[in-house]
């Protein structure tokens, strides 16, 4: 749910931060903003990881399976 509307996704990381009421910490590997990507069923906010390459937010169940760190928010659609 984003801003009380379950089918509305934030358009940018700025909107996510605005809804949270604070800035997110920067990517610890680059010092820049975390990456925000919409997906067909939600969105991801993630770090590029130690290799400093954006692999599209390949977030897996176990940290040792991927270099990127973040969250994947799934939004149920009606």
N, C-alpha and C. Protein backbone atom coordinates (compact mmCIF):
# COMPACT_ATOMS: atom_id res chain seq x y z
N UNK A 1 0.85 -1.17 0.00
CA UNK A 1 0.00 0.00 0.00
C UNK A 1 0.90 1.23 0.00
N UNK A 2 0.60 2.17 -0.82
CA UNK A 2 1.36 3.41 -0.87
C UNK A 2 0.41 4.57 -0.75
N UNK A 3 0.65 5.38 0.27
CA UNK A 3 -0.20 6.55 0.53
C UNK A 3 -1.67 6.18 0.62
N UNK A 4 -1.97 5.02 1.21
CA UNK A 4 -3.35 4.61 1.44
C UNK A 4 -4.06 4.03 0.23
N UNK A 5 -3.35 3.92 -0.90
CA UNK A 5 -3.98 3.39 -2.11
C UNK A 5 -3.20 2.16 -2.56
N UNK A 6 -3.72 0.95 -2.34
CA UNK A 6 -2.97 -0.26 -2.60
C UNK A 6 -2.55 -0.45 -4.06
N UNK A 7 -3.25 0.15 -5.01
CA UNK A 7 -2.88 -0.07 -6.41
C UNK A 7 -1.98 1.04 -6.96
N UNK A 8 -1.60 2.00 -6.11
CA UNK A 8 -0.75 3.10 -6.55
C UNK A 8 0.68 2.85 -6.10
N UNK A 9 1.62 2.86 -7.04
CA UNK A 9 3.03 2.69 -6.71
C UNK A 9 3.72 4.04 -6.71
N UNK A 10 4.74 4.19 -5.86
CA UNK A 10 5.51 5.42 -5.91
C UNK A 10 6.20 5.53 -7.27
N UNK A 11 6.33 6.75 -7.77
CA UNK A 11 6.95 6.96 -9.08
C UNK A 11 8.46 7.09 -8.99
N UNK A 12 8.96 7.36 -7.78
CA UNK A 12 10.40 7.58 -7.62
C UNK A 12 10.82 7.31 -6.18
N UNK A 13 12.12 7.27 -5.98
CA UNK A 13 12.65 7.10 -4.63
C UNK A 13 12.29 8.32 -3.77
N UNK A 14 12.21 9.49 -4.39
CA UNK A 14 11.79 10.69 -3.65
C UNK A 14 10.40 10.51 -3.05
N UNK A 15 9.48 9.89 -3.79
CA UNK A 15 8.13 9.64 -3.27
C UNK A 15 8.15 8.64 -2.12
N UNK A 16 9.01 7.64 -2.21
CA UNK A 16 9.14 6.67 -1.12
C UNK A 16 9.63 7.40 0.14
N UNK A 17 10.66 8.21 -0.03
CA UNK A 17 11.22 8.94 1.11
C UNK A 17 10.21 9.92 1.69
N UNK A 18 9.45 10.58 0.83
CA UNK A 18 8.42 11.51 1.29
C UNK A 18 7.37 10.79 2.12
N UNK A 19 6.94 9.61 1.66
CA UNK A 19 5.94 8.84 2.39
C UNK A 19 6.48 8.37 3.73
N UNK A 20 7.77 8.04 3.79
CA UNK A 20 8.41 7.62 5.04
C UNK A 20 8.66 8.80 5.97
N UNK A 21 8.72 9.99 5.40
CA UNK A 21 8.99 11.18 6.20
C UNK A 21 10.46 11.37 6.52
N UNK A 22 11.33 10.72 5.75
CA UNK A 22 12.77 10.86 5.96
C UNK A 22 13.53 10.37 4.74
N UNK A 23 14.78 10.78 4.65
CA UNK A 23 15.66 10.32 3.58
C UNK A 23 16.19 8.94 3.94
N UNK A 24 16.35 8.09 2.96
CA UNK A 24 16.99 6.80 3.17
C UNK A 24 18.50 6.99 3.19
N UNK A 25 19.19 6.10 3.86
CA UNK A 25 20.64 6.16 3.86
C UNK A 25 21.14 5.93 2.44
N UNK A 26 22.31 6.48 2.09
CA UNK A 26 22.84 6.25 0.75
C UNK A 26 23.34 4.82 0.60
N UNK A 27 23.54 4.44 -0.64
CA UNK A 27 24.13 3.13 -0.94
C UNK A 27 25.52 3.09 -0.29
N UNK A 28 25.78 2.14 0.60
CA UNK A 28 27.07 2.11 1.28
C UNK A 28 28.25 1.81 0.36
N UNK A 29 27.99 1.28 -0.83
CA UNK A 29 29.06 0.93 -1.76
C UNK A 29 29.42 2.06 -2.70
N UNK A 30 28.47 2.97 -2.97
CA UNK A 30 28.73 4.06 -3.91
C UNK A 30 28.62 5.44 -3.28
N UNK A 31 27.92 5.55 -2.15
CA UNK A 31 27.68 6.84 -1.53
C UNK A 31 26.56 7.62 -2.21
N UNK A 32 25.99 7.06 -3.26
CA UNK A 32 24.89 7.70 -3.99
C UNK A 32 23.56 7.16 -3.48
N UNK A 33 22.47 7.68 -4.02
CA UNK A 33 21.14 7.20 -3.63
C UNK A 33 20.97 5.73 -3.99
N UNK A 34 20.14 5.05 -3.19
CA UNK A 34 19.76 3.69 -3.54
C UNK A 34 19.01 3.73 -4.86
N UNK A 35 18.85 2.58 -5.49
CA UNK A 35 18.16 2.50 -6.78
C UNK A 35 16.71 2.09 -6.55
N UNK A 36 15.82 2.75 -7.27
CA UNK A 36 14.39 2.45 -7.21
C UNK A 36 13.97 1.94 -8.57
N UNK A 37 13.28 0.80 -8.60
CA UNK A 37 12.76 0.24 -9.85
C UNK A 37 11.35 -0.27 -9.63
N UNK A 38 10.43 0.13 -10.51
CA UNK A 38 9.10 -0.47 -10.49
C UNK A 38 9.19 -1.83 -11.18
N UNK A 39 8.36 -2.75 -10.71
CA UNK A 39 8.26 -4.08 -11.30
C UNK A 39 6.79 -4.30 -11.67
N UNK A 40 6.48 -5.35 -12.41
CA UNK A 40 5.07 -5.60 -12.76
C UNK A 40 4.16 -5.76 -11.55
N UNK A 41 4.72 -6.22 -10.41
CA UNK A 41 3.89 -6.46 -9.23
C UNK A 41 4.31 -5.67 -8.00
N UNK A 42 5.06 -4.59 -8.18
CA UNK A 42 5.49 -3.79 -7.03
C UNK A 42 6.68 -2.92 -7.37
N UNK A 43 7.64 -2.87 -6.43
CA UNK A 43 8.86 -2.11 -6.68
C UNK A 43 10.00 -2.62 -5.81
N UNK A 44 11.22 -2.25 -6.20
CA UNK A 44 12.42 -2.61 -5.47
C UNK A 44 13.19 -1.35 -5.12
N UNK A 45 13.80 -1.35 -3.95
CA UNK A 45 14.76 -0.33 -3.55
C UNK A 45 16.00 -1.11 -3.14
N UNK A 46 17.14 -0.81 -3.79
CA UNK A 46 18.30 -1.65 -3.54
C UNK A 46 19.63 -0.93 -3.74
N UNK A 47 20.68 -1.57 -3.24
CA UNK A 47 22.07 -1.14 -3.38
C UNK A 47 22.69 -1.96 -4.51
N UNK A 48 23.70 -1.39 -5.16
CA UNK A 48 24.37 -2.13 -6.23
C UNK A 48 25.25 -3.24 -5.70
N UNK A 49 25.65 -3.15 -4.44
CA UNK A 49 26.49 -4.19 -3.86
C UNK A 49 27.96 -3.91 -4.08
N UNK A 50 28.76 -4.83 -3.61
CA UNK A 50 30.22 -4.67 -3.59
C UNK A 50 30.83 -4.53 -4.98
N UNK A 51 30.22 -5.13 -5.99
CA UNK A 51 30.79 -5.02 -7.35
C UNK A 51 30.46 -3.68 -8.01
N UNK A 52 29.59 -2.89 -7.37
CA UNK A 52 29.19 -1.56 -7.83
C UNK A 52 28.55 -1.57 -9.22
N UNK A 53 27.95 -2.71 -9.60
CA UNK A 53 27.23 -2.82 -10.87
C UNK A 53 25.75 -3.03 -10.59
N UNK A 54 24.93 -2.32 -11.32
CA UNK A 54 23.48 -2.48 -11.20
C UNK A 54 23.05 -3.68 -12.03
N UNK A 55 22.72 -4.76 -11.35
CA UNK A 55 22.27 -5.98 -12.02
C UNK A 55 20.74 -6.08 -12.02
N UNK A 56 20.08 -4.94 -11.85
CA UNK A 56 18.62 -4.92 -11.91
C UNK A 56 17.93 -5.30 -10.62
N UNK A 57 18.66 -5.31 -9.53
CA UNK A 57 18.04 -5.65 -8.24
C UNK A 57 17.76 -7.12 -8.11
N UNK A 58 18.73 -7.94 -8.46
CA UNK A 58 18.58 -9.39 -8.34
C UNK A 58 18.65 -9.79 -6.88
N UNK A 59 17.52 -9.68 -6.20
CA UNK A 59 17.47 -9.96 -4.76
C UNK A 59 16.96 -11.38 -4.55
N UNK A 60 17.79 -12.21 -3.95
CA UNK A 60 17.43 -13.60 -3.72
C UNK A 60 17.24 -13.85 -2.23
N UNK A 61 16.85 -15.07 -1.89
CA UNK A 61 16.52 -15.39 -0.50
C UNK A 61 17.72 -15.34 0.44
N UNK A 62 18.90 -15.66 -0.05
CA UNK A 62 20.06 -15.74 0.82
C UNK A 62 21.12 -14.75 0.34
N UNK A 63 21.70 -14.03 1.28
CA UNK A 63 22.67 -12.98 0.95
C UNK A 63 23.84 -13.51 0.13
N UNK A 64 24.24 -14.75 0.34
CA UNK A 64 25.39 -15.28 -0.37
C UNK A 64 25.08 -15.60 -1.83
N UNK A 65 23.82 -15.53 -2.23
CA UNK A 65 23.43 -15.84 -3.61
C UNK A 65 23.46 -14.62 -4.53
N UNK A 66 23.61 -13.44 -3.98
CA UNK A 66 23.58 -12.24 -4.79
C UNK A 66 24.47 -11.17 -4.18
N UNK A 67 24.90 -10.26 -5.02
CA UNK A 67 25.75 -9.18 -4.55
C UNK A 67 24.92 -7.95 -4.17
N UNK A 68 23.68 -7.86 -4.65
CA UNK A 68 22.86 -6.70 -4.40
C UNK A 68 21.99 -6.89 -3.16
N UNK A 69 21.77 -5.80 -2.44
CA UNK A 69 21.00 -5.82 -1.20
C UNK A 69 19.85 -4.84 -1.33
N UNK A 70 18.69 -5.20 -0.82
CA UNK A 70 17.57 -4.27 -0.86
C UNK A 70 16.27 -4.92 -0.42
N UNK A 71 15.17 -4.25 -0.79
CA UNK A 71 13.85 -4.77 -0.48
C UNK A 71 13.02 -4.81 -1.75
N UNK A 72 12.14 -5.80 -1.81
CA UNK A 72 11.22 -5.97 -2.92
C UNK A 72 9.82 -5.90 -2.33
N UNK A 73 9.09 -4.87 -2.67
CA UNK A 73 7.74 -4.66 -2.16
C UNK A 73 6.74 -5.12 -3.22
N UNK A 74 5.96 -6.13 -2.90
CA UNK A 74 4.96 -6.62 -3.84
C UNK A 74 3.61 -6.04 -3.46
N UNK A 75 2.90 -5.55 -4.45
CA UNK A 75 1.61 -4.92 -4.24
C UNK A 75 0.53 -5.75 -4.94
N UNK A 76 -0.38 -6.35 -4.18
CA UNK A 76 -1.44 -7.14 -4.82
C UNK A 76 -2.31 -6.26 -5.71
N UNK A 77 -2.58 -6.75 -6.88
CA UNK A 77 -3.46 -6.03 -7.82
C UNK A 77 -4.79 -6.74 -7.91
N UNK A 78 -5.85 -5.96 -8.05
CA UNK A 78 -7.19 -6.56 -8.16
C UNK A 78 -7.54 -6.75 -9.61
